[in-house]
Amino acid sequence: MKHTFLVVFPLLTTLTNCIPFFFRGRLRGGMLGAPNISQQDLKRLTLPPDEWFTQKLDHFDSANTETWQQRYFVNDTFYKAGGPVFVQIGGEGAANPIWMVVGSWINYAQQFNALCFQLEHRFYGKSHPTKDINTDNLRYLSSEQALADLAHFIETMSVKMNLTQAKWITFGGSYPGSLSAWFRLKYPHLAHAAVATSAPILAQADFKNYLGVVRNSLATTGPMCNKMIQNATMTVTQMINSDDGRKQLKKLFMLCDDIDVSNKNDVSNFYTSLSGNFEGIVQYNKDNRAFEGAVGTNITIDTLCGIMTQSGPQLLAIERYAQVNALLMRAYKQKCLDFSYDNMITELKSTDWTSSAGEGGRQWTYQTCTEFGFFQTSDLENQPFGKYFPLSFWTQQCTDIFGTKFTEEMLNAGINRTNENYGAYGLKVSRVVFPNGSIDPWHALGVTKDLSTNATAIYINGTAHCANMYPETPRDLPQLIAARQAIAKKIAIWLQETP
């Protein structure tokens, strides 16, 4: 059957990027986006300068004496002698000094007269332990090395700034949320307590429940959104098997190249790009964050499902699917949608710090291939995005990017080691709180029920990734406001407790 479609071409001016803008659960720049601050407000804020700490290259080899310069920031605006010290842990993107002057943790710092540090994660941002990011050098990139970085930083700063009697509390969101909890586990003599927001604590190769949460979050608008996505996916699958259908798909979705149906990796990459349009919006739905690289900050689940289900012109499901794609392409100023697997792999194999992959995409891919997995596969049965990006598609990327020894067997060994090392859901910690949002797909790997009376969960209905960390807005849900207040109460109690 031949279909005729209405094609809307957005005005696009910039070149394509071969790495999808939402890749492995990560937006370009990292999973914790910058707070949404107006330019007017930004001009009134004084951001702290870059400072540098001499860090060890390898904390677990005493014969290796190499060092490097790690970036950090300080805010002592609210500090009073005898007050606590708060540390925001950097993650899989550049540390942003805007977090030193806004956000819920800064409100807590003002309330409790805390000194604030932010330590950038090794191999991200300006913190370059090695001359490049070739695979051999990336052996120094791991969560364990990052935790040891923080330990050395805290011990050094405690002496240097006369803070040896201070109570240190770590903060983190997403992967740094995991690090926050794990630091309290591994270095309880250095961290008095921890806030671990949106923290995945179970390493897992086949993170198929990611799309399960996406499906459930889209369903908060009603049943038709998922149904229309499923209908669109079925039509894509039908069309991709004919020459005429592939030509129409190229026009509809503004593809950079023709679809070669014999290239299974290209086909899988195409399907992940379409699902990624929804995944990224769901993950950050209505967070008070700057929409990375976008022309607006108001693209939400309601926006996308509104397009998929709106009344008015009698558009087919696939045409609506294409409109969603066009909206995201405009937001990210993409000239065309590059779904080429080889182009993506070539870009992710780049080892220069200045390459597009060097902003963090290559490094985070390495960590997922060696420690965590976290692959957002299509292996879940009841989800609307098709079955075209299974676990094997993701594990093959590890081999193609980093070399033949990066196999599924190596991945599983790394995942097992991570869970053995940190305890996964059997994590034994105290004075840790785990906030998670119901809309956020990452809560499926996080703590949503109390582990103990002193390792508690805060499950925030209707909020997304790291929502409690962002600055307050008049639109905040009552349960989000209550969660921030609950965290403040936890901190107050912790500071009254002896180490």
Protein backbone atom coordinates (compact mmCIF):
# COMPACT_ATOMS: atom_id res chain seq x y z
CA MET A 1 0.00 0.00 0.00
CA LYS A 2 1.39 3.39 -0.96
CA HIS A 3 1.03 6.25 1.50
CA THR A 4 1.12 9.98 0.79
CA PHE A 5 2.44 12.09 3.64
CA LEU A 6 2.55 15.71 4.63
CA VAL A 7 6.22 16.57 5.21
CA VAL A 8 7.18 19.61 7.29
CA PHE A 9 10.80 20.75 6.95
CA PRO A 10 12.15 22.87 9.83
CA LEU A 11 14.62 25.66 9.22
CA LEU A 12 18.00 24.22 10.21
CA THR A 13 21.36 25.88 9.91
CA THR A 14 24.00 23.78 11.67
CA LEU A 15 25.85 20.63 10.74
CA THR A 16 24.92 17.19 11.95
CA ASN A 17 26.49 15.37 14.88
CA CYS A 18 26.96 11.64 14.37
CA ILE A 19 26.44 10.87 18.06
CA PRO A 20 22.72 11.08 18.89
CA PHE A 21 21.81 14.03 21.12
CA PHE A 22 20.38 11.51 23.60
CA PHE A 23 22.80 8.60 23.85
CA ARG A 24 22.98 5.84 26.48
CA GLY A 25 20.64 7.76 28.76
CA ARG A 26 22.87 10.84 28.54
CA LEU A 27 22.32 14.19 26.90
CA ARG A 28 25.35 15.97 25.50
CA GLY A 29 27.00 17.69 28.42
CA GLY A 30 26.01 15.08 30.99
CA MET A 31 22.95 13.70 32.72
CA LEU A 32 22.64 16.57 35.19
CA GLY A 33 21.79 19.55 33.00
CA ALA A 34 22.49 23.14 33.94
CA PRO A 35 19.76 24.93 35.91
CA ASN A 36 17.43 27.08 33.84
CA ILE A 37 18.64 30.56 34.74
CA SER A 38 17.65 33.63 32.73
CA GLN A 39 20.40 35.71 31.19
CA GLN A 40 19.31 38.62 33.35
CA ASP A 41 19.65 36.58 36.53
CA LEU A 42 22.90 35.09 35.33
CA LYS A 43 24.42 38.56 34.96
CA ARG A 44 23.67 39.25 38.62
CA LEU A 45 25.44 36.12 39.79
CA THR A 46 29.16 35.90 40.50
CA LEU A 47 30.47 32.51 39.50
CA PRO A 48 33.55 31.11 41.24
CA PRO A 49 36.74 30.72 39.19
CA ASP A 50 38.35 27.45 38.21
CA GLU A 51 40.69 26.12 40.87
CA TRP A 52 43.05 23.20 40.53
CA PHE A 53 44.01 20.29 42.74
CA THR A 54 47.04 18.04 42.24
CA GLN A 55 45.53 14.58 41.95
CA LYS A 56 47.05 11.09 41.74
CA LEU A 57 46.71 9.30 38.41
CA ASP A 58 46.33 5.83 39.93
CA HIS A 59 45.27 5.51 43.56
CA PHE A 60 45.71 1.75 43.57
CA ASP A 61 49.30 1.49 42.34
CA SER A 62 51.74 3.01 44.82
CA ALA A 63 54.54 2.64 42.28
CA ASN A 64 52.75 5.02 39.94
CA THR A 65 53.65 8.54 41.08
CA GLU A 66 52.14 10.42 38.14
CA THR A 67 49.82 13.33 38.94
CA TRP A 68 47.47 15.62 37.06
CA GLN A 69 45.39 18.76 37.69
CA GLN A 70 41.75 18.27 38.67
CA ARG A 71 39.32 21.17 38.49
CA TYR A 72 37.17 22.21 41.42
CA PHE A 73 35.09 25.15 42.62
CA VAL A 74 34.55 26.73 46.04
CA ASN A 75 31.77 28.86 47.52
CA ASP A 76 32.36 30.10 51.08
CA THR A 77 29.63 32.74 51.00
CA PHE A 78 27.52 31.11 53.71
CA TYR A 79 30.25 29.40 55.69
CA LYS A 80 30.71 30.05 59.39
CA ALA A 81 33.45 28.46 61.46
CA GLY A 82 32.29 25.12 62.78
CA GLY A 83 29.80 24.65 59.97
CA PRO A 84 29.59 21.56 57.75
CA VAL A 85 31.20 21.08 54.35
CA PHE A 86 29.07 20.13 51.35
CA VAL A 87 30.61 18.51 48.26
CA GLN A 88 28.79 18.18 44.97
CA ILE A 89 30.35 15.27 43.09
CA GLY A 90 31.00 15.75 39.38
CA GLY A 91 29.79 13.23 36.86
CA GLU A 92 29.82 12.28 33.19
CA GLY A 93 30.06 15.87 31.91
CA ALA A 94 31.82 19.12 32.62
CA ALA A 95 31.37 20.56 36.11
CA ASN A 96 29.33 23.75 35.83
CA PRO A 97 30.06 26.62 38.25
CA ILE A 98 26.42 27.73 38.04
CA TRP A 99 25.70 24.93 40.51
CA MET A 100 27.88 26.77 43.02
CA VAL A 101 25.37 29.60 43.32
CA VAL A 102 21.93 28.05 42.67
CA GLY A 103 20.07 24.85 43.39
CA SER A 104 18.60 23.19 46.45
CA TRP A 105 21.99 22.28 47.92
CA ILE A 106 22.96 25.97 47.94
CA ASN A 107 19.76 26.70 49.85
CA TYR A 108 20.80 24.02 52.34
CA ALA A 109 24.27 25.57 52.54
CA GLN A 110 22.73 28.92 53.45
CA GLN A 111 20.49 27.25 56.03
CA PHE A 112 23.30 25.29 57.68
CA ASN A 113 26.23 27.72 57.12
CA ALA A 114 28.10 25.23 54.96
CA LEU A 115 31.24 25.57 52.90
CA CYS A 116 30.64 24.26 49.37
CA PHE A 117 32.96 22.43 46.99
CA GLN A 118 32.32 20.93 43.57
CA LEU A 119 34.90 18.44 42.30
CA GLU A 120 34.92 17.63 38.60
CA HIS A 121 35.06 13.93 37.64
CA ARG A 122 38.28 12.71 36.10
CA PHE A 123 38.24 12.53 32.28
CA TYR A 124 35.33 15.00 31.97
CA GLY A 125 35.22 18.74 31.46
CA LYS A 126 38.67 20.27 31.97
CA SER A 127 39.93 17.48 34.23
CA HIS A 128 42.31 15.66 31.90
CA PRO A 129 44.48 13.03 33.61
CA THR A 130 46.09 11.96 30.34
CA LYS A 131 47.16 13.59 27.07
CA ASP A 132 44.25 12.00 25.21
CA ILE A 133 41.42 9.54 25.69
CA ASN A 134 42.75 6.52 23.88
CA THR A 135 41.57 3.16 25.16
CA ASP A 136 44.80 2.46 27.04
CA ASN A 137 44.48 5.74 28.95
CA LEU A 138 40.84 5.12 29.75
CA ARG A 139 41.89 2.29 32.07
CA TYR A 140 42.29 5.08 34.63
CA LEU A 141 38.61 5.98 34.25
CA SER A 142 36.42 4.18 36.76
CA SER A 143 34.03 4.87 39.60
CA GLU A 144 36.61 3.52 42.05
CA GLN A 145 39.27 5.96 40.88
CA ALA A 146 36.70 8.77 41.06
CA LEU A 147 35.81 7.89 44.65
CA ALA A 148 39.50 7.76 45.54
CA ASP A 149 39.95 11.19 43.91
CA LEU A 150 37.27 12.55 46.22
CA ALA A 151 38.82 10.88 49.26
CA HIS A 152 42.24 12.38 48.52
CA PHE A 153 40.64 15.77 47.87
CA ILE A 154 38.72 15.73 51.18
CA GLU A 155 41.72 14.61 53.21
CA THR A 156 43.94 17.27 51.66
CA MET A 157 41.41 20.09 51.97
CA SER A 158 40.57 19.12 55.54
CA VAL A 159 44.17 19.80 56.55
CA LYS A 160 44.78 22.75 54.24
CA MET A 161 41.62 24.64 55.28
CA ASN A 162 41.48 23.50 58.92
CA LEU A 163 38.35 21.41 58.38
CA THR A 164 39.43 18.21 60.11
CA GLN A 165 36.60 18.48 62.65
CA ALA A 166 33.95 19.42 60.08
CA LYS A 167 31.16 17.09 59.01
CA TRP A 168 31.33 16.50 55.26
CA ILE A 169 28.16 15.68 53.33
CA THR A 170 28.27 14.57 49.70
CA PHE A 171 25.67 15.43 47.08
CA GLY A 172 25.15 13.99 43.62
CA GLY A 173 22.53 13.43 40.98
CA SER A 174 22.32 10.53 38.50
CA TYR A 175 25.69 8.73 38.23
CA PRO A 176 27.16 11.18 40.78
CA GLY A 177 24.21 10.24 42.98
CA SER A 178 25.50 6.68 42.86
CA LEU A 179 28.97 7.96 43.69
CA SER A 180 27.57 9.90 46.64
CA ALA A 181 26.03 6.76 48.17
CA TRP A 182 29.07 4.64 47.30
CA PHE A 183 31.44 7.18 48.83
CA ARG A 184 29.54 6.97 52.11
CA LEU A 185 29.85 3.18 51.84
CA LYS A 186 33.57 3.07 51.01
CA TYR A 187 34.82 6.10 52.97
CA PRO A 188 32.52 6.46 56.00
CA HIS A 189 35.34 8.10 57.97
CA LEU A 190 35.37 10.96 55.44
CA ALA A 191 31.68 11.40 54.59
CA HIS A 192 29.34 12.01 57.50
CA ALA A 193 26.26 11.64 55.29
CA ALA A 194 25.14 11.61 51.67
CA VAL A 195 22.31 12.74 49.39
CA ALA A 196 22.05 10.38 46.42
CA THR A 197 19.50 11.76 43.96
CA SER A 198 18.24 9.71 40.99
CA ALA A 199 21.05 7.26 41.67
CA PRO A 200 21.17 3.92 39.83
CA ILE A 201 22.75 1.47 42.27
CA LEU A 202 22.21 -1.75 40.33
CA ALA A 203 24.57 -2.29 37.40
CA GLN A 204 22.72 -4.15 34.66
CA ALA A 205 23.52 -4.89 31.03
CA ASP A 206 19.97 -5.16 29.69
CA PHE A 207 18.22 -2.13 31.16
CA LYS A 208 15.01 -3.00 29.33
CA ASN A 209 12.80 -1.55 32.07
CA TYR A 210 13.99 1.90 31.02
CA LEU A 211 11.46 1.81 28.19
CA GLY A 212 8.90 0.41 30.61
CA VAL A 213 9.09 3.59 32.67
CA VAL A 214 9.06 5.69 29.49
CA ARG A 215 5.88 3.90 28.42
CA ASN A 216 4.26 4.42 31.83
CA SER A 217 5.27 8.07 31.92
CA LEU A 218 3.82 8.71 28.48
CA ALA A 219 0.63 6.97 29.64
CA THR A 220 0.10 9.67 32.28
CA THR A 221 -1.38 11.72 29.42
CA GLY A 222 -3.81 8.93 28.50
CA PRO A 223 -3.67 5.64 26.56
CA MET A 224 -3.55 7.10 23.05
CA CYS A 225 0.02 8.42 23.12
CA ASN A 226 1.61 4.97 23.39
CA LYS A 227 -0.93 3.55 20.95
CA MET A 228 -0.07 6.16 18.32
CA ILE A 229 3.67 5.61 18.83
CA GLN A 230 3.13 1.88 18.39
CA ASN A 231 1.11 2.48 15.23
CA ALA A 232 3.85 4.74 13.89
CA THR A 233 6.51 2.14 14.69
CA MET A 234 4.53 -0.52 12.85
CA THR A 235 4.23 1.74 9.82
CA VAL A 236 7.97 2.48 9.84
CA THR A 237 8.63 -1.26 9.92
CA GLN A 238 6.26 -1.80 7.00
CA MET A 239 7.72 1.03 4.93
CA ILE A 240 11.35 0.19 5.55
CA ASN A 241 10.94 -3.05 3.60
CA SER A 242 10.19 -1.39 0.26
CA ASP A 243 12.19 0.98 -1.94
CA ASP A 244 9.36 3.49 -2.14
CA GLY A 245 8.75 3.28 1.60
CA ARG A 246 12.40 3.97 2.40
CA LYS A 247 12.38 7.02 0.12
CA GLN A 248 9.35 8.37 1.96
CA LEU A 249 10.94 7.68 5.34
CA LYS A 250 14.00 9.66 4.26
CA LYS A 251 11.80 12.65 3.49
CA LEU A 252 9.56 12.30 6.51
CA PHE A 253 12.38 12.08 9.03
CA MET A 254 14.89 14.26 7.17
CA LEU A 255 17.52 11.53 7.05
CA CYS A 256 21.03 12.38 5.94
CA ASP A 257 21.33 9.23 3.86
CA ASP A 258 19.25 6.57 2.15
CA ILE A 259 18.29 3.60 4.30
CA ASP A 260 20.14 0.40 3.42
CA VAL A 261 17.87 -2.26 4.86
CA SER A 262 20.67 -4.83 4.64
CA ASN A 263 22.68 -2.76 7.15
CA LYS A 264 21.08 -3.95 10.38
CA ASN A 265 23.13 -1.59 12.53
CA ASP A 266 21.93 1.45 10.58
CA VAL A 267 18.35 0.25 10.92
CA SER A 268 18.77 -0.24 14.66
CA ASN A 269 20.37 3.19 15.00
CA PHE A 270 17.43 4.73 13.15
CA TYR A 271 14.96 3.15 15.56
CA THR A 272 16.98 4.28 18.60
CA SER A 273 17.00 7.84 17.27
CA LEU A 274 13.21 7.83 17.07
CA SER A 275 12.78 6.36 20.54
CA GLY A 276 15.42 8.75 21.86
CA ASN A 277 13.18 11.67 20.92
CA PHE A 278 10.81 10.49 23.65
CA GLU A 279 13.33 9.06 26.11
CA GLY A 280 15.21 12.33 26.59
CA ILE A 281 12.05 14.37 27.09
CA VAL A 282 10.59 11.87 29.56
CA GLN A 283 13.83 11.68 31.55
CA TYR A 284 13.89 15.43 32.14
CA ASN A 285 10.18 16.18 32.02
CA LYS A 286 9.43 19.60 33.55
CA ASP A 287 12.74 19.75 35.40
CA ASN A 288 13.82 23.34 35.93
CA ARG A 289 16.84 22.83 33.73
CA ALA A 290 18.25 24.45 30.63
CA PHE A 291 17.29 22.36 27.61
CA GLU A 292 20.76 21.57 26.24
CA GLY A 293 21.35 23.34 22.95
CA ALA A 294 17.65 24.02 22.45
CA VAL A 295 15.68 27.07 21.41
CA GLY A 296 13.21 26.61 24.26
CA THR A 297 12.79 24.93 27.62
CA ASN A 298 9.15 23.94 27.32
CA ILE A 299 9.31 20.60 25.49
CA THR A 300 7.62 18.10 27.79
CA ILE A 301 5.72 14.82 27.76
CA ASP A 302 2.58 16.87 27.23
CA THR A 303 4.16 18.52 24.19
CA LEU A 304 5.12 15.25 22.51
CA CYS A 305 1.95 13.36 23.38
CA GLY A 306 -0.04 16.40 22.30
CA ILE A 307 1.52 16.10 18.86
CA MET A 308 0.85 12.36 18.76
CA THR A 309 -2.79 12.64 19.80
CA GLN A 310 -3.94 16.15 18.87
CA SER A 311 -7.28 16.61 17.18
CA GLY A 312 -7.55 18.68 14.05
CA PRO A 313 -5.79 17.68 10.82
CA GLN A 314 -6.30 13.98 10.18
CA LEU A 315 -2.63 13.06 10.23
CA LEU A 316 -1.46 9.49 10.27
CA ALA A 317 0.48 8.28 13.31
CA ILE A 318 3.74 8.23 11.36
CA GLU A 319 3.25 11.84 10.28
CA ARG A 320 2.84 12.83 13.91
CA TYR A 321 5.94 10.77 14.76
CA ALA A 322 7.79 12.74 12.10
CA GLN A 323 6.56 16.02 13.59
CA VAL A 324 8.02 15.02 16.96
CA ASN A 325 11.31 14.27 15.21
CA ALA A 326 11.21 17.63 13.44
CA LEU A 327 10.59 19.44 16.72
CA LEU A 328 13.63 17.84 18.35
CA MET A 329 15.77 18.46 15.28
CA ARG A 330 14.85 22.14 15.40
CA ALA A 331 15.63 22.21 19.11
CA TYR A 332 19.09 20.77 18.53
CA LYS A 333 19.62 22.65 15.25
CA GLN A 334 20.24 19.49 13.27
CA LYS A 335 20.44 19.80 9.50
CA CYS A 336 19.49 16.18 8.98
CA LEU A 337 19.21 13.03 11.05
CA ASP A 338 22.42 11.02 10.82
CA PHE A 339 21.56 7.42 11.66
CA SER A 340 24.74 5.93 10.20
CA TYR A 341 26.17 3.40 12.62
CA ASP A 342 29.63 3.63 11.06
CA ASN A 343 29.63 7.43 11.36
CA MET A 344 28.67 7.17 15.02
CA ILE A 345 31.35 4.57 15.74
CA THR A 346 34.00 6.59 13.90
CA GLU A 347 33.15 9.64 15.98
CA LEU A 348 33.17 7.69 19.24
CA LYS A 349 36.60 6.26 18.35
CA SER A 350 38.07 9.77 18.33
CA THR A 351 40.68 10.12 21.08
CA ASP A 352 41.32 13.88 21.03
CA TRP A 353 40.00 15.94 23.91
CA THR A 354 38.72 18.49 21.41
CA SER A 355 36.66 15.99 19.42
CA SER A 356 32.88 15.93 19.69
CA ALA A 357 33.14 12.58 21.47
CA GLY A 358 35.63 14.11 23.90
CA GLU A 359 32.94 16.17 25.60
CA GLY A 360 32.00 12.96 27.39
CA GLY A 361 30.27 10.60 24.98
CA ARG A 362 33.31 8.38 24.48
CA GLN A 363 34.18 8.36 28.17
CA TRP A 364 30.66 7.52 29.33
CA THR A 365 30.43 4.79 26.71
CA TYR A 366 33.64 3.32 28.12
CA GLN A 367 32.22 3.31 31.64
CA THR A 368 29.02 1.63 30.51
CA CYS A 369 31.04 -0.98 28.61
CA THR A 370 33.33 -1.77 31.54
CA GLU A 371 31.37 -1.13 34.76
CA PHE A 372 27.66 -0.54 34.43
CA GLY A 373 25.90 -1.63 31.26
CA PHE A 374 22.76 0.50 31.63
CA PHE A 375 21.92 -0.23 27.98
CA GLN A 376 18.41 1.01 27.16
CA THR A 377 17.42 -1.91 24.97
CA SER A 378 14.18 -2.72 23.18
CA ASP A 379 13.96 -6.16 24.81
CA LEU A 380 10.93 -5.35 26.96
CA GLU A 381 7.83 -6.99 25.50
CA ASN A 382 5.16 -4.39 26.12
CA GLN A 383 6.57 -1.09 24.86
CA PRO A 384 5.71 0.91 21.73
CA PHE A 385 9.11 1.50 20.10
CA GLY A 386 9.68 -1.85 18.40
CA LYS A 387 12.22 -4.61 18.97
CA TYR A 388 15.06 -3.35 16.80
CA PHE A 389 17.76 -2.35 19.30
CA PRO A 390 18.33 -5.45 21.45
CA LEU A 391 21.19 -5.98 23.90
CA SER A 392 23.47 -7.33 21.16
CA PHE A 393 23.27 -3.98 19.34
CA TRP A 394 24.71 -2.20 22.38
CA THR A 395 27.38 -4.73 23.27
CA GLN A 396 28.61 -4.71 19.69
CA GLN A 397 29.28 -0.99 20.06
CA CYS A 398 31.68 -1.73 22.92
CA THR A 399 33.71 -4.01 20.65
CA ASP A 400 33.56 -1.72 17.64
CA ILE A 401 34.63 1.38 19.61
CA PHE A 402 37.23 0.02 22.03
CA GLY A 403 38.51 -3.22 20.54
CA THR A 404 37.95 -6.94 20.32
CA LYS A 405 38.58 -7.69 24.00
CA PHE A 406 35.55 -5.57 24.96
CA THR A 407 33.12 -8.44 24.65
CA GLU A 408 29.82 -9.23 26.30
CA GLU A 409 31.73 -11.60 28.59
CA MET A 410 34.01 -8.75 29.71
CA LEU A 411 30.99 -6.49 30.18
CA ASN A 412 29.23 -9.03 32.39
CA ALA A 413 32.38 -9.54 34.45
CA GLY A 414 32.62 -5.78 34.99
CA ILE A 415 28.97 -5.53 35.95
CA ASN A 416 29.30 -8.40 38.42
CA ARG A 417 32.34 -6.74 39.95
CA THR A 418 30.48 -3.43 40.32
CA ASN A 419 27.57 -5.08 42.09
CA GLU A 420 29.87 -7.13 44.31
CA ASN A 421 31.94 -4.06 45.13
CA TYR A 422 29.08 -1.73 46.06
CA GLY A 423 26.34 -4.16 47.05
CA ALA A 424 23.68 -3.24 44.46
CA TYR A 425 20.28 -3.37 46.21
CA GLY A 426 22.00 -4.90 49.22
CA LEU A 427 23.92 -1.66 49.83
CA LYS A 428 24.69 -1.30 53.56
CA VAL A 429 24.90 2.38 54.45
CA SER A 430 23.64 4.82 57.04
CA ARG A 431 22.85 8.53 56.91
CA VAL A 432 22.01 8.38 53.19
CA VAL A 433 18.82 9.58 51.52
CA PHE A 434 17.77 8.47 48.02
CA PRO A 435 15.35 10.87 46.25
CA ASN A 436 13.82 9.53 43.00
CA GLY A 437 11.10 10.72 40.65
CA SER A 438 8.35 8.45 39.35
CA ILE A 439 8.64 9.83 35.80
CA ASP A 440 12.40 9.28 35.65
CA PRO A 441 13.30 5.96 33.96
CA TRP A 442 16.44 5.68 36.11
CA HIS A 443 14.37 5.10 39.23
CA ALA A 444 13.99 1.50 37.97
CA LEU A 445 17.62 0.89 39.03
CA GLY A 446 17.46 3.04 42.15
CA VAL A 447 16.29 2.92 45.76
CA THR A 448 12.57 3.63 45.97
CA LYS A 449 11.93 1.96 49.33
CA ASP A 450 13.81 2.44 52.58
CA LEU A 451 16.88 0.24 52.97
CA SER A 452 16.85 0.87 56.71
CA THR A 453 15.74 3.51 59.20
CA ASN A 454 18.86 5.52 58.37
CA ALA A 455 19.07 4.84 54.64
CA THR A 456 15.77 6.11 53.35
CA ALA A 457 14.01 6.68 50.05
CA ILE A 458 12.01 9.70 48.96
CA TYR A 459 9.82 8.74 45.99
CA ILE A 460 8.48 11.88 44.33
CA ASN A 461 5.37 11.20 42.30
CA GLY A 462 5.19 13.09 39.01
CA THR A 463 8.80 14.31 38.84
CA ALA A 464 11.71 13.37 36.61
CA HIS A 465 15.49 13.07 36.74
CA CYS A 466 17.19 14.98 39.58
CA ALA A 467 14.18 17.28 39.92
CA ASN A 468 14.80 18.00 43.61
CA MET A 469 18.28 19.38 42.85
CA TYR A 470 17.12 22.22 40.60
CA PRO A 471 16.14 25.72 41.75
CA GLU A 472 12.61 26.19 42.99
CA THR A 473 9.92 27.52 40.66
CA PRO A 474 6.30 28.57 41.24
CA ARG A 475 5.28 25.54 39.13
CA ASP A 476 6.83 22.98 41.47
CA LEU A 477 4.51 20.18 42.53
CA PRO A 478 3.62 20.06 46.24
CA GLN A 479 5.34 16.69 46.57
CA LEU A 480 8.55 18.11 45.09
CA ILE A 481 8.48 20.98 47.57
CA ALA A 482 7.89 18.47 50.36
CA ALA A 483 10.83 16.34 49.17
CA ARG A 484 13.25 19.27 49.34
CA GLN A 485 12.00 20.05 52.84
CA ALA A 486 12.39 16.41 53.87
CA ILE A 487 16.01 16.43 52.70
CA ALA A 488 16.67 19.58 54.72
CA LYS A 489 15.22 17.87 57.81
CA LYS A 490 17.45 14.87 57.20
CA ILE A 491 20.51 17.11 57.02
CA ALA A 492 19.53 18.85 60.26
CA ILE A 493 19.24 15.50 62.04
CA TRP A 494 22.52 14.20 60.59
CA LEU A 495 24.42 17.27 61.73
CA GLN A 496 23.28 16.65 65.28
CA GLU A 497 24.64 13.10 65.21
CA THR A 498 28.17 12.16 66.13
CA PRO A 499 30.29 10.52 63.42
